[in-house]
Amino acid sequence: MHSLITRIARIIGVWACALVPLCGAAQAFPDRPVTLVLAYSAGSISDVLARSVAQQLSARWKQPVLVDNRPGGNQIIAASLVAKAAADGYTLLLCDDGVFTLNPHLFRKLPYSLEDFAPVADLAQLQMVLSSARQVPAASIAELVALARARPGTLNYGSFGTGNIVHLAMDAFSRMAAIELVHVPYKGYPDAIRDVLANQVQLVLGGIGGPALQYLKSGAMRPLAVTGPSRSPLLPDVPTLAEAGFARLDPQVNFILMAPAGTPPAVVRKINAAAAVIVRQEIAATVLAPNGMRPLGASPDALAASLRQGRAAYAELVKSSGVRLD
């Protein structure tokens, strides 16, 4: 009996020793600067989110948290960089979920896969608005559809790149409405807004807040409809796409945080816990709501499941569009 107890004690001791480095790593993390690699350009809504999260993490951890903007290439540039980074939690990817739900359907060969990452946290969901240049003689979705049918191929819309959710959603809208719109890709949302203001492109689908809101409020851009199940408190008089007759069109953009695969689970949990508090409490009212976002903050496992489901759900959308990027 004594020998059995001794053996059990030794086994427990071995396990305890094995766990000490992992626990110690999580407790010590971070002991140097952390970098958030952002897949979008400076000045975008996601940039506002990234810098707000970075500021709060830095205050919480007493370490610098830096934002490194790496836009372009359907977010592949940023994703590839983080996929190759050390799996220690010091290099994180902030992107939208299309990196893992859309890109696998658009590219036959990607320099990364979901298996190259450890899901950390879903941060926020962005509500978007379809808006037009003020010169466009259409004050509603119905009037826009009528105008586009009368002038096929003369109306352009901007998006932040080819094959992103905005491009695919507008393509689906065109097919549902039986109209012909011309796609003009941009590196970022602010660039598309600039050309809508100049009437170089007539339409854009993007976040309600951030760089767009002042122009939507002033009348320099005309909001036609918003995404999501309910109207936005920022634009309460603007109907949803469902109210406008397009209930089947509900594009979603979720901003997420990912780490390289192999990052210690205890470190992932520590980052997740901090991120959840930040988006649900510390910046929900001051940053997210004014920029047309709602907080998420689910567990790493829930994020992983959501990405797998999203990839399956978007397969038909991409196939119907006929868009391939390689």
C-alpha atoms as a PDB file:
ATOM      1  CA  MET A   1       0.000   0.000   0.000  1.00  0.00           C
ATOM      2  CA  HIS A   2       2.803   2.342   0.948  1.00  0.00           C
ATOM      3  CA  SER A   3       4.597   1.677  -2.359  1.00  0.00           C
ATOM      4  CA  LEU A   4       1.386   2.373  -4.321  1.00  0.00           C
ATOM      5  CA  ILE A   5       0.943   5.706  -2.570  1.00  0.00           C
ATOM      6  CA  THR A   6       4.581   6.502  -3.228  1.00  0.00           C
ATOM      7  CA  ARG A   7       4.207   5.729  -6.952  1.00  0.00           C
ATOM      8  CA  ILE A   8       1.062   7.870  -7.193  1.00  0.00           C
ATOM      9  CA  ALA A   9       2.836  10.720  -5.439  1.00  0.00           C
ATOM     10  CA  ARG A  10       5.742  10.462  -7.864  1.00  0.00           C
ATOM     11  CA  ILE A  11       3.387  10.508 -10.863  1.00  0.00           C
ATOM     12  CA  ILE A  12       1.619  13.572  -9.499  1.00  0.00           C
ATOM     13  CA  GLY A  13       4.981  15.173  -8.903  1.00  0.00           C
ATOM     14  CA  VAL A  14       6.086  14.507 -12.469  1.00  0.00           C
ATOM     15  CA  TRP A  15       2.876  16.036 -13.856  1.00  0.00           C
ATOM     16  CA  ALA A  16       3.208  19.026 -11.561  1.00  0.00           C
ATOM     17  CA  CYS A  17       6.767  19.625 -12.720  1.00  0.00           C
ATOM     18  CA  ALA A  18       5.665  19.340 -16.339  1.00  0.00           C
ATOM     19  CA  LEU A  19       2.948  21.923 -15.815  1.00  0.00           C
ATOM     20  CA  VAL A  20       5.113  24.446 -13.992  1.00  0.00           C
ATOM     21  CA  PRO A  21       6.794  25.816 -17.159  1.00  0.00           C
ATOM     22  CA  LEU A  22       3.410  26.216 -18.875  1.00  0.00           C
ATOM     23  CA  CYS A  23       1.832  27.970 -15.910  1.00  0.00           C
ATOM     24  CA  GLY A  24       4.958  30.026 -15.439  1.00  0.00           C
ATOM     25  CA  ALA A  25       4.935  31.083 -19.091  1.00  0.00           C
ATOM     26  CA  ALA A  26       1.340  32.282 -18.815  1.00  0.00           C
ATOM     27  CA  GLN A  27       1.991  34.129 -15.559  1.00  0.00           C
ATOM     28  CA  ALA A  28       5.085  35.838 -16.965  1.00  0.00           C
ATOM     29  CA  PHE A  29       3.409  36.712 -20.284  1.00  0.00           C
ATOM     30  CA  PRO A  30       4.025  39.280 -21.564  1.00  0.00           C
ATOM     31  CA  ASP A  31       7.471  40.335 -20.428  1.00  0.00           C
ATOM     32  CA  ARG A  32       8.285  42.259 -23.617  1.00  0.00           C
ATOM     33  CA  PRO A  33       6.368  44.139 -26.362  1.00  0.00           C
ATOM     34  CA  VAL A  34       3.518  42.394 -28.201  1.00  0.00           C
ATOM     35  CA  THR A  35       2.710  43.099 -31.860  1.00  0.00           C
ATOM     36  CA  LEU A  36      -0.789  43.073 -33.357  1.00  0.00           C
ATOM     37  CA  VAL A  37      -0.396  42.555 -37.095  1.00  0.00           C
ATOM     38  CA  LEU A  38      -3.437  44.219 -38.653  1.00  0.00           C
ATOM     39  CA  ALA A  39      -4.606  43.106 -42.084  1.00  0.00           C
ATOM     40  CA  TYR A  40      -6.072  46.541 -42.881  1.00  0.00           C
ATOM     41  CA  SER A  41      -4.785  50.014 -43.629  1.00  0.00           C
ATOM     42  CA  ALA A  42      -4.367  52.871 -41.171  1.00  0.00           C
ATOM     43  CA  GLY A  43      -7.499  54.959 -40.733  1.00  0.00           C
ATOM     44  CA  SER A  44      -9.905  52.064 -41.276  1.00  0.00           C
ATOM     45  CA  ILE A  45     -12.520  50.997 -38.738  1.00  0.00           C
ATOM     46  CA  SER A  46     -10.485  47.889 -37.987  1.00  0.00           C
ATOM     47  CA  ASP A  47      -7.489  50.153 -37.323  1.00  0.00           C
ATOM     48  CA  VAL A  48      -9.549  52.043 -34.749  1.00  0.00           C
ATOM     49  CA  LEU A  49     -10.478  48.720 -33.153  1.00  0.00           C
ATOM     50  CA  ALA A  50      -6.901  47.424 -33.207  1.00  0.00           C
ATOM     51  CA  ARG A  51      -5.429  50.543 -31.634  1.00  0.00           C
ATOM     52  CA  SER A  52      -8.111  50.646 -28.949  1.00  0.00           C
ATOM     53  CA  VAL A  53      -7.542  46.992 -28.058  1.00  0.00           C
ATOM     54  CA  ALA A  54      -3.765  47.514 -28.123  1.00  0.00           C
ATOM     55  CA  GLN A  55      -4.024  50.497 -25.800  1.00  0.00           C
ATOM     56  CA  GLN A  56      -6.144  48.572 -23.299  1.00  0.00           C
ATOM     57  CA  LEU A  57      -3.913  45.492 -23.421  1.00  0.00           C
ATOM     58  CA  SER A  58      -0.844  47.644 -22.901  1.00  0.00           C
ATOM     59  CA  ALA A  59      -2.393  49.289 -19.845  1.00  0.00           C
ATOM     60  CA  ARG A  60      -3.412  45.904 -18.463  1.00  0.00           C
ATOM     61  CA  TRP A  61      -0.102  44.137 -19.129  1.00  0.00           C
ATOM     62  CA  LYS A  62       2.271  47.053 -18.478  1.00  0.00           C
ATOM     63  CA  GLN A  63       4.001  46.268 -21.775  1.00  0.00           C
ATOM     64  CA  PRO A  64       3.860  48.024 -25.169  1.00  0.00           C
ATOM     65  CA  VAL A  65       1.339  46.517 -27.598  1.00  0.00           C
ATOM     66  CA  LEU A  66       2.156  47.720 -31.101  1.00  0.00           C
ATOM     67  CA  VAL A  67      -0.078  47.767 -34.194  1.00  0.00           C
ATOM     68  CA  ASP A  68       1.664  46.797 -37.435  1.00  0.00           C
ATOM     69  CA  ASN A  69      -0.546  47.589 -40.460  1.00  0.00           C
ATOM     70  CA  ARG A  70      -0.043  45.048 -43.263  1.00  0.00           C
ATOM     71  CA  PRO A  71      -2.959  45.616 -45.675  1.00  0.00           C
ATOM     72  CA  GLY A  72      -3.535  44.093 -49.089  1.00  0.00           C
ATOM     73  CA  GLY A  73      -3.664  40.744 -50.812  1.00  0.00           C
ATOM     74  CA  ASN A  74      -7.018  39.757 -49.312  1.00  0.00           C
ATOM     75  CA  GLN A  75      -5.325  39.869 -45.906  1.00  0.00           C
ATOM     76  CA  ILE A  76      -2.905  37.148 -47.029  1.00  0.00           C
ATOM     77  CA  ILE A  77       0.139  39.356 -46.393  1.00  0.00           C
ATOM     78  CA  ALA A  78      -0.706  39.764 -42.721  1.00  0.00           C
ATOM     79  CA  ALA A  79      -1.860  36.166 -42.249  1.00  0.00           C
ATOM     80  CA  SER A  80       1.295  34.737 -43.813  1.00  0.00           C
ATOM     81  CA  LEU A  81       3.511  36.865 -41.615  1.00  0.00           C
ATOM     82  CA  VAL A  82       1.837  35.699 -38.406  1.00  0.00           C
ATOM     83  CA  ALA A  83       1.625  32.059 -39.524  1.00  0.00           C
ATOM     84  CA  LYS A  84       5.435  32.017 -39.680  1.00  0.00           C
ATOM     85  CA  ALA A  85       5.962  33.879 -36.391  1.00  0.00           C
ATOM     86  CA  ALA A  86       7.167  32.297 -33.172  1.00  0.00           C
ATOM     87  CA  ALA A  87       4.375  30.499 -31.315  1.00  0.00           C
ATOM     88  CA  ASP A  88       4.787  32.441 -28.093  1.00  0.00           C
ATOM     89  CA  GLY A  89       1.894  34.918 -28.104  1.00  0.00           C
ATOM     90  CA  TYR A  90       4.046  37.938 -28.908  1.00  0.00           C
ATOM     91  CA  THR A  91       2.877  38.205 -32.532  1.00  0.00           C
ATOM     92  CA  LEU A  92      -0.891  38.167 -33.067  1.00  0.00           C
ATOM     93  CA  LEU A  93      -3.074  38.567 -36.151  1.00  0.00           C
ATOM     94  CA  LEU A  94      -6.052  40.917 -36.107  1.00  0.00           C
ATOM     95  CA  CYS A  95      -8.115  40.339 -39.229  1.00  0.00           C
ATOM     96  CA  ASP A  96     -11.660  39.615 -40.272  1.00  0.00           C
ATOM     97  CA  ASP A  97     -12.928  36.067 -40.463  1.00  0.00           C
ATOM     98  CA  GLY A  98     -12.854  36.074 -44.271  1.00  0.00           C
ATOM     99  CA  VAL A  99      -9.168  35.133 -44.035  1.00  0.00           C
ATOM    100  CA  PHE A 100     -10.341  31.657 -43.044  1.00  0.00           C
ATOM    101  CA  THR A 101     -13.934  31.481 -44.353  1.00  0.00           C
ATOM    102  CA  LEU A 102     -13.612  33.066 -47.813  1.00  0.00           C
ATOM    103  CA  ASN A 103      -9.993  32.851 -48.939  1.00  0.00           C
ATOM    104  CA  PRO A 104      -9.905  29.015 -49.017  1.00  0.00           C
ATOM    105  CA  HIS A 105     -12.664  29.134 -51.661  1.00  0.00           C
ATOM    106  CA  LEU A 106     -11.036  31.937 -53.657  1.00  0.00           C
ATOM    107  CA  PHE A 107      -7.481  30.605 -53.869  1.00  0.00           C
ATOM    108  CA  ARG A 108      -6.444  27.112 -54.911  1.00  0.00           C
ATOM    109  CA  LYS A 109      -3.221  27.517 -52.970  1.00  0.00           C
ATOM    110  CA  LEU A 110      -2.743  29.671 -49.893  1.00  0.00           C
ATOM    111  CA  PRO A 111       0.517  30.194 -47.975  1.00  0.00           C
ATOM    112  CA  TYR A 112      -1.363  29.428 -44.740  1.00  0.00           C
ATOM    113  CA  SER A 113      -4.277  27.363 -43.426  1.00  0.00           C
ATOM    114  CA  LEU A 114      -6.482  27.446 -40.359  1.00  0.00           C
ATOM    115  CA  GLU A 115      -4.276  24.710 -38.902  1.00  0.00           C
ATOM    116  CA  ASP A 116      -1.372  27.202 -38.867  1.00  0.00           C
ATOM    117  CA  PHE A 117      -3.178  29.261 -36.224  1.00  0.00           C
ATOM    118  CA  ALA A 118      -4.496  29.049 -32.699  1.00  0.00           C
ATOM    119  CA  PRO A 119      -7.848  30.890 -32.463  1.00  0.00           C
ATOM    120  CA  VAL A 120      -7.708  33.410 -29.627  1.00  0.00           C
ATOM    121  CA  ALA A 121     -10.811  35.627 -29.576  1.00  0.00           C
ATOM    122  CA  ASP A 122     -13.575  37.024 -31.719  1.00  0.00           C
ATOM    123  CA  LEU A 123     -13.615  40.713 -30.904  1.00  0.00           C
ATOM    124  CA  ALA A 124     -16.481  42.490 -32.638  1.00  0.00           C
ATOM    125  CA  GLN A 125     -19.016  42.260 -35.438  1.00  0.00           C
ATOM    126  CA  LEU A 126     -19.274  45.155 -37.870  1.00  0.00           C
ATOM    127  CA  GLN A 127     -22.621  46.459 -39.095  1.00  0.00           C
ATOM    128  CA  MET A 128     -22.310  47.848 -42.601  1.00  0.00           C
ATOM    129  CA  VAL A 129     -24.171  50.369 -44.720  1.00  0.00           C
ATOM    130  CA  LEU A 130     -24.712  50.484 -48.475  1.00  0.00           C
ATOM    131  CA  SER A 131     -24.341  54.128 -49.400  1.00  0.00           C
ATOM    132  CA  SER A 132     -24.119  56.197 -52.551  1.00  0.00           C
ATOM    133  CA  ALA A 133     -22.559  59.396 -53.777  1.00  0.00           C
ATOM    134  CA  ARG A 134     -24.941  62.296 -53.218  1.00  0.00           C
ATOM    135  CA  GLN A 135     -25.059  62.868 -56.980  1.00  0.00           C
ATOM    136  CA  VAL A 136     -26.745  59.494 -57.565  1.00  0.00           C
ATOM    137  CA  PRO A 137     -30.479  60.113 -58.138  1.00  0.00           C
ATOM    138  CA  ALA A 138     -31.685  57.324 -55.850  1.00  0.00           C
ATOM    139  CA  ALA A 139     -32.855  57.748 -52.264  1.00  0.00           C
ATOM    140  CA  SER A 140     -33.698  54.100 -51.575  1.00  0.00           C
ATOM    141  CA  ILE A 141     -32.735  50.577 -52.581  1.00  0.00           C
ATOM    142  CA  ALA A 142     -35.814  50.366 -54.808  1.00  0.00           C
ATOM    143  CA  GLU A 143     -34.835  53.573 -56.610  1.00  0.00           C
ATOM    144  CA  LEU A 144     -31.241  52.349 -56.933  1.00  0.00           C
ATOM    145  CA  VAL A 145     -32.400  49.099 -58.534  1.00  0.00           C
ATOM    146  CA  ALA A 146     -34.629  51.000 -60.955  1.00  0.00           C
ATOM    147  CA  LEU A 147     -31.769  53.351 -61.865  1.00  0.00           C
ATOM    148  CA  ALA A 148     -29.322  50.486 -62.389  1.00  0.00           C
ATOM    149  CA  ARG A 149     -31.783  48.672 -64.636  1.00  0.00           C
ATOM    150  CA  ALA A 150     -32.265  51.814 -66.691  1.00  0.00           C
ATOM    151  CA  ARG A 151     -28.492  52.360 -66.960  1.00  0.00           C
ATOM    152  CA  PRO A 152     -26.880  48.901 -66.987  1.00  0.00           C
ATOM    153  CA  GLY A 153     -23.132  48.877 -66.396  1.00  0.00           C
ATOM    154  CA  THR A 154     -22.853  52.593 -65.612  1.00  0.00           C
ATOM    155  CA  LEU A 155     -22.866  52.412 -61.807  1.00  0.00           C
ATOM    156  CA  ASN A 156     -19.669  51.426 -59.981  1.00  0.00           C
ATOM    157  CA  TYR A 157     -19.178  50.211 -56.438  1.00  0.00           C
ATOM    158  CA  GLY A 158     -16.007  50.204 -54.385  1.00  0.00           C
ATOM    159  CA  SER A 159     -14.783  47.503 -52.033  1.00  0.00           C
ATOM    160  CA  PHE A 160     -11.608  46.900 -50.034  1.00  0.00           C
ATOM    161  CA  GLY A 161     -10.155  44.404 -52.511  1.00  0.00           C
ATOM    162  CA  THR A 162     -11.263  41.617 -54.824  1.00  0.00           C
ATOM    163  CA  GLY A 163     -12.936  38.580 -53.302  1.00  0.00           C
ATOM    164  CA  ASN A 164     -13.684  40.093 -49.900  1.00  0.00           C
ATOM    165  CA  ILE A 165     -17.117  39.865 -48.294  1.00  0.00           C
ATOM    166  CA  VAL A 166     -18.116  43.305 -49.621  1.00  0.00           C
ATOM    167  CA  HIS A 167     -17.278  42.344 -53.206  1.00  0.00           C
ATOM    168  CA  LEU A 168     -19.116  39.028 -52.921  1.00  0.00           C
ATOM    169  CA  ALA A 169     -22.122  40.574 -51.178  1.00  0.00           C
ATOM    170  CA  MET A 170     -22.472  43.275 -53.831  1.00  0.00           C
ATOM    171  CA  ASP A 171     -22.125  40.649 -56.537  1.00  0.00           C
ATOM    172  CA  ALA A 172     -24.927  38.669 -54.882  1.00  0.00           C
ATOM    173  CA  PHE A 173     -27.019  41.850 -54.588  1.00  0.00           C
ATOM    174  CA  SER A 174     -26.558  42.495 -58.314  1.00  0.00           C
ATOM    175  CA  ARG A 175     -27.718  38.987 -59.175  1.00  0.00           C
ATOM    176  CA  MET A 176     -30.699  39.110 -56.814  1.00  0.00           C
ATOM    177  CA  ALA A 177     -31.794  42.490 -58.189  1.00  0.00           C
ATOM    178  CA  ALA A 178     -31.053  41.536 -61.817  1.00  0.00           C
ATOM    179  CA  ILE A 179     -28.832  44.576 -62.317  1.00  0.00           C
ATOM    180  CA  GLU A 180     -25.297  45.142 -63.594  1.00  0.00           C
ATOM    181  CA  LEU A 181     -22.863  46.953 -61.293  1.00  0.00           C
ATOM    182  CA  VAL A 182     -19.135  47.405 -61.959  1.00  0.00           C
ATOM    183  CA  HIS A 183     -16.702  46.431 -59.200  1.00  0.00           C
ATOM    184  CA  VAL A 184     -13.787  48.758 -58.378  1.00  0.00           C
ATOM    185  CA  PRO A 185     -11.375  47.265 -55.799  1.00  0.00           C
ATOM    186  CA  TYR A 186      -9.458  49.452 -53.351  1.00  0.00           C
ATOM    187  CA  LYS A 187      -6.713  48.814 -50.829  1.00  0.00           C
ATOM    188  CA  GLY A 188      -8.894  50.073 -47.992  1.00  0.00           C
ATOM    189  CA  TYR A 189     -12.288  51.509 -47.098  1.00  0.00           C
ATOM    190  CA  PRO A 190     -11.036  55.110 -46.688  1.00  0.00           C
ATOM    191  CA  ASP A 191      -9.802  55.073 -50.304  1.00  0.00           C
ATOM    192  CA  ALA A 192     -13.209  53.927 -51.549  1.00  0.00           C
ATOM    193  CA  ILE A 193     -14.963  56.613 -49.492  1.00  0.00           C
ATOM    194  CA  ARG A 194     -12.700  59.278 -50.998  1.00  0.00           C
ATOM    195  CA  ASP A 195     -13.782  58.328 -54.513  1.00  0.00           C
ATOM    196  CA  VAL A 196     -17.468  58.092 -53.572  1.00  0.00           C
ATOM    197  CA  LEU A 197     -17.238  61.652 -52.273  1.00  0.00           C
ATOM    198  CA  ALA A 198     -15.797  62.656 -55.653  1.00  0.00           C
ATOM    199  CA  ASN A 199     -18.422  60.543 -57.494  1.00  0.00           C
ATOM    200  CA  GLN A 200     -15.638  58.544 -59.132  1.00  0.00           C
ATOM    201  CA  VAL A 201     -17.513  55.501 -57.865  1.00  0.00           C
ATOM    202  CA  GLN A 202     -21.184  55.712 -57.043  1.00  0.00           C
ATOM    203  CA  LEU A 203     -21.664  53.067 -54.344  1.00  0.00           C
ATOM    204  CA  VAL A 204     -19.812  51.537 -51.430  1.00  0.00           C
ATOM    205  CA  LEU A 205     -20.670  48.937 -48.810  1.00  0.00           C
ATOM    206  CA  GLY A 206     -18.690  49.300 -45.610  1.00  0.00           C
ATOM    207  CA  GLY A 207     -18.743  50.082 -41.922  1.00  0.00           C
ATOM    208  CA  ILE A 208     -21.213  52.645 -40.642  1.00  0.00           C
ATOM    209  CA  GLY A 209     -18.836  54.315 -38.227  1.00  0.00           C
ATOM    210  CA  GLY A 210     -15.255  55.404 -38.536  1.00  0.00           C
ATOM    211  CA  PRO A 211     -14.395  57.461 -41.605  1.00  0.00           C
ATOM    212  CA  ALA A 212     -17.874  57.143 -43.179  1.00  0.00           C
ATOM    213  CA  LEU A 213     -20.178  58.392 -40.436  1.00  0.00           C
ATOM    214  CA  GLN A 214     -19.426  62.108 -40.747  1.00  0.00           C
ATOM    215  CA  TYR A 215     -20.210  62.009 -44.465  1.00  0.00           C
ATOM    216  CA  LEU A 216     -23.354  59.950 -43.951  1.00  0.00           C
ATOM    217  CA  LYS A 217     -24.569  62.425 -41.328  1.00  0.00           C
ATOM    218  CA  SER A 218     -23.706  65.525 -43.382  1.00  0.00           C
ATOM    219  CA  GLY A 219     -25.321  64.299 -46.587  1.00  0.00           C
ATOM    220  CA  ALA A 220     -22.063  64.064 -48.533  1.00  0.00           C
ATOM    221  CA  MET A 221     -22.869  60.351 -48.844  1.00  0.00           C
ATOM    222  CA  ARG A 222     -26.396  58.924 -48.895  1.00  0.00           C
ATOM    223  CA  PRO A 223     -27.141  55.829 -46.777  1.00  0.00           C
ATOM    224  CA  LEU A 224     -29.537  53.428 -48.512  1.00  0.00           C
ATOM    225  CA  ALA A 225     -29.668  50.326 -46.284  1.00  0.00           C
ATOM    226  CA  VAL A 226     -27.799  48.652 -43.436  1.00  0.00           C
ATOM    227  CA  THR A 227     -26.859  45.031 -42.872  1.00  0.00           C
ATOM    228  CA  GLY A 228     -27.950  42.962 -39.896  1.00  0.00           C
ATOM    229  CA  PRO A 229     -31.250  42.034 -38.256  1.00  0.00           C
ATOM    230  CA  SER A 230     -32.046  45.525 -36.955  1.00  0.00           C
ATOM    231  CA  ARG A 231     -31.471  49.166 -37.778  1.00  0.00           C
ATOM    232  CA  SER A 232     -28.396  50.944 -36.520  1.00  0.00           C
ATOM    233  CA  PRO A 233     -28.739  53.434 -33.650  1.00  0.00           C
ATOM    234  CA  LEU A 234     -26.238  55.545 -35.594  1.00  0.00           C
ATOM    235  CA  LEU A 235     -28.613  55.726 -38.589  1.00  0.00           C
ATOM    236  CA  PRO A 236     -32.056  54.959 -37.132  1.00  0.00           C
ATOM    237  CA  ASP A 237     -33.970  56.178 -40.189  1.00  0.00           C
ATOM    238  CA  VAL A 238     -32.117  53.892 -42.607  1.00  0.00           C
ATOM    239  CA  PRO A 239     -33.841  50.537 -43.291  1.00  0.00           C
ATOM    240  CA  THR A 240     -32.145  47.162 -43.176  1.00  0.00           C
ATOM    241  CA  LEU A 241     -31.518  45.222 -46.365  1.00  0.00           C
ATOM    242  CA  ALA A 242     -34.252  42.850 -45.203  1.00  0.00           C
ATOM    243  CA  GLU A 243     -36.719  45.733 -44.926  1.00  0.00           C
ATOM    244  CA  ALA A 244     -35.669  46.806 -48.413  1.00  0.00           C
ATOM    245  CA  GLY A 245     -36.582  43.391 -49.818  1.00  0.00           C
ATOM    246  CA  PHE A 246     -33.235  41.578 -49.617  1.00  0.00           C
ATOM    247  CA  ALA A 247     -33.657  39.379 -46.551  1.00  0.00           C
ATOM    248  CA  ARG A 248     -31.374  36.679 -47.974  1.00  0.00           C
ATOM    249  CA  LEU A 249     -28.486  39.141 -48.209  1.00  0.00           C
ATOM    250  CA  ASP A 250     -26.841  39.566 -44.812  1.00  0.00           C
ATOM    251  CA  PRO A 251     -23.052  39.882 -45.129  1.00  0.00           C
ATOM    252  CA  GLN A 252     -21.211  39.782 -41.825  1.00  0.00           C
ATOM    253  CA  VAL A 253     -17.731  40.900 -40.859  1.00  0.00           C
ATOM    254  CA  ASN A 254     -16.312  39.599 -37.590  1.00  0.00           C
ATOM    255  CA  PHE A 255     -12.966  40.926 -36.414  1.00  0.00           C
ATOM    256  CA  ILE A 256     -10.915  38.190 -34.778  1.00  0.00           C
ATOM    257  CA  LEU A 257      -7.618  37.646 -32.994  1.00  0.00           C
ATOM    258  CA  MET A 258      -5.394  34.695 -33.934  1.00  0.00           C
ATOM    259  CA  ALA A 259      -2.004  33.419 -32.752  1.00  0.00           C
ATOM    260  CA  PRO A 260       0.461  31.060 -34.451  1.00  0.00           C
ATOM    261  CA  ALA A 261      -0.329  27.371 -33.966  1.00  0.00           C
ATOM    262  CA  GLY A 262       1.493  25.927 -30.993  1.00  0.00           C
ATOM    263  CA  THR A 263       1.090  29.002 -28.812  1.00  0.00           C
ATOM    264  CA  PRO A 264       0.774  27.703 -25.228  1.00  0.00           C
ATOM    265  CA  PRO A 265      -2.923  27.227 -24.369  1.00  0.00           C
ATOM    266  CA  ALA A 266      -2.447  29.072 -21.084  1.00  0.00           C
ATOM    267  CA  VAL A 267      -1.159  32.113 -22.993  1.00  0.00           C
ATOM    268  CA  VAL A 268      -4.086  31.886 -25.428  1.00  0.00           C
ATOM    269  CA  ARG A 269      -6.532  31.769 -22.512  1.00  0.00           C
ATOM    270  CA  LYS A 270      -4.846  34.756 -20.864  1.00  0.00           C
ATOM    271  CA  ILE A 271      -5.124  36.849 -24.043  1.00  0.00           C
ATOM    272  CA  ASN A 272      -8.722  35.708 -24.598  1.00  0.00           C
ATOM    273  CA  ALA A 273      -9.765  36.653 -21.069  1.00  0.00           C
ATOM    274  CA  ALA A 274      -8.248  40.118 -21.414  1.00  0.00           C
ATOM    275  CA  ALA A 275      -9.759  40.665 -24.873  1.00  0.00           C
ATOM    276  CA  ALA A 276     -13.236  39.619 -23.717  1.00  0.00           C
ATOM    277  CA  VAL A 277     -13.233  42.136 -20.873  1.00  0.00           C
ATOM    278  CA  ILE A 278     -11.905  44.859 -23.161  1.00  0.00           C
ATOM    279  CA  VAL A 279     -14.534  44.482 -25.909  1.00  0.00           C
ATOM    280  CA  ARG A 280     -17.479  43.777 -23.616  1.00  0.00           C
ATOM    281  CA  GLN A 281     -16.785  46.381 -20.957  1.00  0.00           C
ATOM    282  CA  GLU A 282     -13.923  48.780 -21.535  1.00  0.00           C
ATOM    283  CA  ILE A 283     -14.493  49.852 -25.157  1.00  0.00           C
ATOM    284  CA  ALA A 284     -18.047  48.666 -25.905  1.00  0.00           C
ATOM    285  CA  ALA A 285     -19.663  52.064 -25.394  1.00  0.00           C
ATOM    286  CA  THR A 286     -16.739  54.338 -26.219  1.00  0.00           C
ATOM    287  CA  VAL A 287     -15.279  52.677 -29.329  1.00  0.00           C
ATOM    288  CA  LEU A 288     -17.437  49.850 -30.654  1.00  0.00           C
ATOM    289  CA  ALA A 289     -20.906  51.413 -30.580  1.00  0.00           C
ATOM    290  CA  PRO A 290     -19.852  54.756 -32.139  1.00  0.00           C
ATOM    291  CA  ASN A 291     -18.185  52.799 -34.945  1.00  0.00           C
ATOM    292  CA  GLY A 292     -21.124  50.520 -35.700  1.00  0.00           C
ATOM    293  CA  MET A 293     -19.696  47.431 -34.008  1.00  0.00           C
ATOM    294  CA  ARG A 294     -21.065  45.131 -31.336  1.00  0.00           C
ATOM    295  CA  PRO A 295     -18.851  43.206 -28.910  1.00  0.00           C
ATOM    296  CA  LEU A 296     -18.361  39.454 -29.176  1.00  0.00           C
ATOM    297  CA  GLY A 297     -15.634  37.902 -27.009  1.00  0.00           C
ATOM    298  CA  ALA A 298     -16.358  34.161 -27.147  1.00  0.00           C
ATOM    299  CA  SER A 299     -13.913  31.412 -26.190  1.00  0.00           C
ATOM    300  CA  PRO A 300     -11.115  30.138 -28.456  1.00  0.00           C
ATOM    301  CA  ASP A 301     -13.039  26.890 -29.021  1.00  0.00           C
ATOM    302  CA  ALA A 302     -16.190  28.790 -30.007  1.00  0.00           C
ATOM    303  CA  LEU A 303     -14.184  30.903 -32.456  1.00  0.00           C
ATOM    304  CA  ALA A 304     -12.641  27.785 -34.004  1.00  0.00           C
ATOM    305  CA  ALA A 305     -16.105  26.261 -34.489  1.00  0.00           C
ATOM    306  CA  SER A 306     -17.426  29.515 -35.968  1.00  0.00           C
ATOM    307  CA  LEU A 307     -14.606  29.651 -38.521  1.00  0.00           C
ATOM    308  CA  ARG A 308     -15.253  26.075 -39.631  1.00  0.00           C
ATOM    309  CA  GLN A 309     -18.975  26.756 -39.972  1.00  0.00           C
ATOM    310  CA  GLY A 310     -18.353  30.012 -41.824  1.00  0.00           C
ATOM    311  CA  ARG A 311     -16.081  28.314 -44.315  1.00  0.00           C
ATOM    312  CA  ALA A 312     -18.799  25.774 -45.136  1.00  0.00           C
ATOM    313  CA  ALA A 313     -21.511  28.444 -45.301  1.00  0.00           C
ATOM    314  CA  TYR A 314     -19.639  30.666 -47.774  1.00  0.00           C
ATOM    315  CA  ALA A 315     -18.807  27.896 -50.236  1.00  0.00           C
ATOM    316  CA  GLU A 316     -21.983  28.458 -52.277  1.00  0.00           C
ATOM    317  CA  LEU A 317     -21.677  32.260 -52.197  1.00  0.00           C
ATOM    318  CA  VAL A 318     -18.206  32.116 -53.736  1.00  0.00           C
ATOM    319  CA  LYS A 319     -19.193  29.439 -56.233  1.00  0.00           C
ATOM    320  CA  SER A 320     -22.199  31.468 -57.415  1.00  0.00           C
ATOM    321  CA  SER A 321     -20.044  34.549 -57.898  1.00  0.00           C
ATOM    322  CA  GLY A 322     -17.614  32.724 -60.164  1.00  0.00           C
ATOM    323  CA  VAL A 323     -14.750  34.654 -58.543  1.00  0.00           C
ATOM    324  CA  ARG A 324     -11.375  32.898 -58.438  1.00  0.00           C
ATOM    325  CA  LEU A 325      -8.184  34.706 -57.570  1.00  0.00           C
ATOM    326  CA  ASP A 326      -5.560  32.236 -58.788  1.00  0.00           C
END
